[in-house]
Protein backbone atom coordinates (compact mmCIF):
# COMPACT_ATOMS: atom_id res chain seq x y z
CA ARG A 1 93.94 77.07 76.86
CA TRP A 2 94.80 79.50 79.61
CA SER A 3 94.45 83.15 80.39
CA TYR A 4 96.95 85.21 82.38
CA VAL A 5 96.27 88.06 84.78
CA ASN A 6 98.87 90.76 85.48
CA PHE A 7 99.11 94.29 86.74
CA GLU A 8 99.59 96.70 83.85
CA GLU A 9 102.18 98.78 85.71
CA ALA A 10 105.15 97.74 87.86
CA GLU A 11 104.77 100.83 90.04
CA LEU A 12 102.11 103.47 90.60
CA SER A 13 102.37 106.95 92.11
CA VAL A 14 99.31 108.79 93.44
CA MET A 15 98.53 111.92 95.42
CA GLU A 16 96.99 111.44 98.86
CA ALA A 17 94.41 114.11 98.03
CA GLU A 18 92.93 111.86 95.29
CA GLY A 19 91.47 109.69 98.04
CA LYS A 20 92.14 106.42 96.23
CA ALA A 21 94.70 104.48 94.28
CA ARG A 22 93.42 102.58 91.23
CA VAL A 23 95.57 99.73 89.97
CA HIS A 24 94.74 98.15 86.62
CA ILE A 25 94.70 94.41 85.99
CA LYS A 26 94.83 92.97 82.49
CA LYS A 27 93.73 89.51 81.40
CA THR A 28 95.41 88.14 78.28
CA GLY A 29 95.49 84.85 76.42
CA TYR A 30 92.32 82.78 76.24
CA LEU A 31 89.45 85.18 76.98
CA LYS A 32 86.53 82.85 76.25
CA GLN A 33 86.27 81.67 79.86
CA PHE A 34 85.17 83.25 83.12
CA SER A 35 87.99 83.71 85.66
CA MET A 36 88.66 85.28 89.07
CA VAL A 37 91.61 86.72 90.96
CA SER A 38 92.06 88.43 94.34
CA CYS A 39 93.66 91.82 94.86
CA ARG A 40 95.21 92.24 98.33
CA THR A 41 97.16 95.09 99.95
CA GLN A 42 100.27 94.75 102.13
CA SER A 43 101.79 97.48 104.29
CA TYR A 44 105.28 98.76 103.60
CA THR A 45 106.20 102.30 104.73
CA ALA A 46 102.51 103.26 104.45
CA LYS A 47 100.44 101.61 107.17
CA SER A 48 96.90 100.31 107.36
CA ASN A 49 95.76 100.36 110.97
CA ARG A 50 92.35 101.96 111.34
CA ASP A 51 92.24 101.17 115.08
CA THR A 52 94.82 103.87 115.83
CA LYS A 53 93.19 106.36 113.44
CA GLN A 54 96.67 106.97 112.03
CA TYR A 55 96.48 104.94 108.87
CA ASP A 56 97.60 105.78 105.36
CA PHE A 57 95.33 103.43 103.38
CA VAL A 58 92.46 101.02 104.00
CA HIS A 59 93.50 97.37 103.76
CA THR A 60 91.81 95.78 100.76
CA HIS A 61 91.17 92.16 99.85
CA SER A 62 88.76 92.11 96.95
CA ARG A 63 87.72 89.47 94.43
CA LEU A 64 87.71 90.50 90.76
CA GLU A 65 85.64 88.53 88.28
CA PHE A 66 86.41 88.54 84.57
CA ASN A 67 83.45 87.52 82.44
CA GLU A 68 83.97 85.95 79.03
CA ASP A 69 85.76 88.39 76.69
CA GLU A 70 86.58 90.86 79.53
CA SER A 71 90.24 91.85 79.61
CA TYR A 72 90.47 94.80 82.06
CA LYS A 73 89.57 95.31 85.71
CA ALA A 74 90.61 97.77 88.40
CA CYS A 75 91.28 97.38 92.10
CA ASP A 76 90.64 100.55 94.13
CA ILE A 77 92.38 101.21 97.44
CA VAL A 78 91.02 103.99 99.68
CA LEU A 79 93.62 106.48 100.93
CA ASN A 80 93.33 108.40 104.19
CA LYS A 81 93.38 112.13 103.40
CA ASP A 82 94.70 113.40 106.71
CA ASP A 83 96.28 116.70 105.54
CA GLN A 84 99.50 115.97 107.44
CA THR A 85 102.79 116.80 105.76
CA GLU A 86 104.47 113.44 105.22
CA PRO A 87 107.27 111.94 103.15
CA ILE A 88 106.40 109.66 100.24
CA GLU A 89 105.04 106.39 101.65
CA SER A 90 104.43 103.10 99.86
CA PHE A 91 102.43 99.89 100.08
CA TRP A 92 102.14 96.76 97.95
CA VAL A 93 99.21 95.29 96.05
CA GLN A 94 99.39 91.58 95.27
CA LEU A 95 97.37 89.33 92.95
CA ASP A 96 96.56 85.88 94.33
CA GLU A 97 93.91 83.15 94.53
CA ALA A 98 93.44 82.89 90.75
CA LYS A 99 90.65 80.63 89.47
CA TYR A 100 90.44 79.54 85.82
CA SER A 101 93.49 81.66 84.94
CA ILE A 102 97.18 81.91 85.79
CA ILE A 103 98.83 84.80 87.61
CA GLY A 104 101.56 86.23 85.38
CA VAL A 105 104.94 87.76 86.16
CA ASN A 106 103.59 91.20 87.13
CA SER A 107 101.75 89.89 90.17
CA ARG A 108 102.81 92.64 92.59
CA ILE A 109 102.80 96.43 92.30
CA LYS A 110 104.29 99.10 94.55
CA VAL A 111 102.01 102.07 95.17
CA SER A 112 103.71 105.30 96.31
CA VAL A 113 101.53 107.92 98.00
CA LYS A 114 102.66 111.55 97.84
CA PHE A 115 101.44 114.41 99.99
CA PHE A 116 101.24 117.76 98.24
CA GLN A 117 100.49 121.01 100.01
CA PHE A 118 99.49 124.11 98.05
């Protein structure tokens, strides 16, 4: 008996002004067992380099724990609200390091960050 963990969406679009991107992870299959999975960001056109103070998001590597009968979790990524006019930029979020469950087909999600000026 196995459970599977997947992102609910294939792609997510957020506004920089929100200050965070929340990606949803769903556990399906056998829910009567505790399981864990890691959520990790990867740069693409959006960068995560806090040393230069010109970063778009804060690199995240967090461990999510699903208790028995839990089927939803969220991974939050902090966005840098710098008020600079920018084109749409993207980064990836990847599921890995699963314990007591299997990572499903939707193991990677593209997050697009939009800047909007009033």
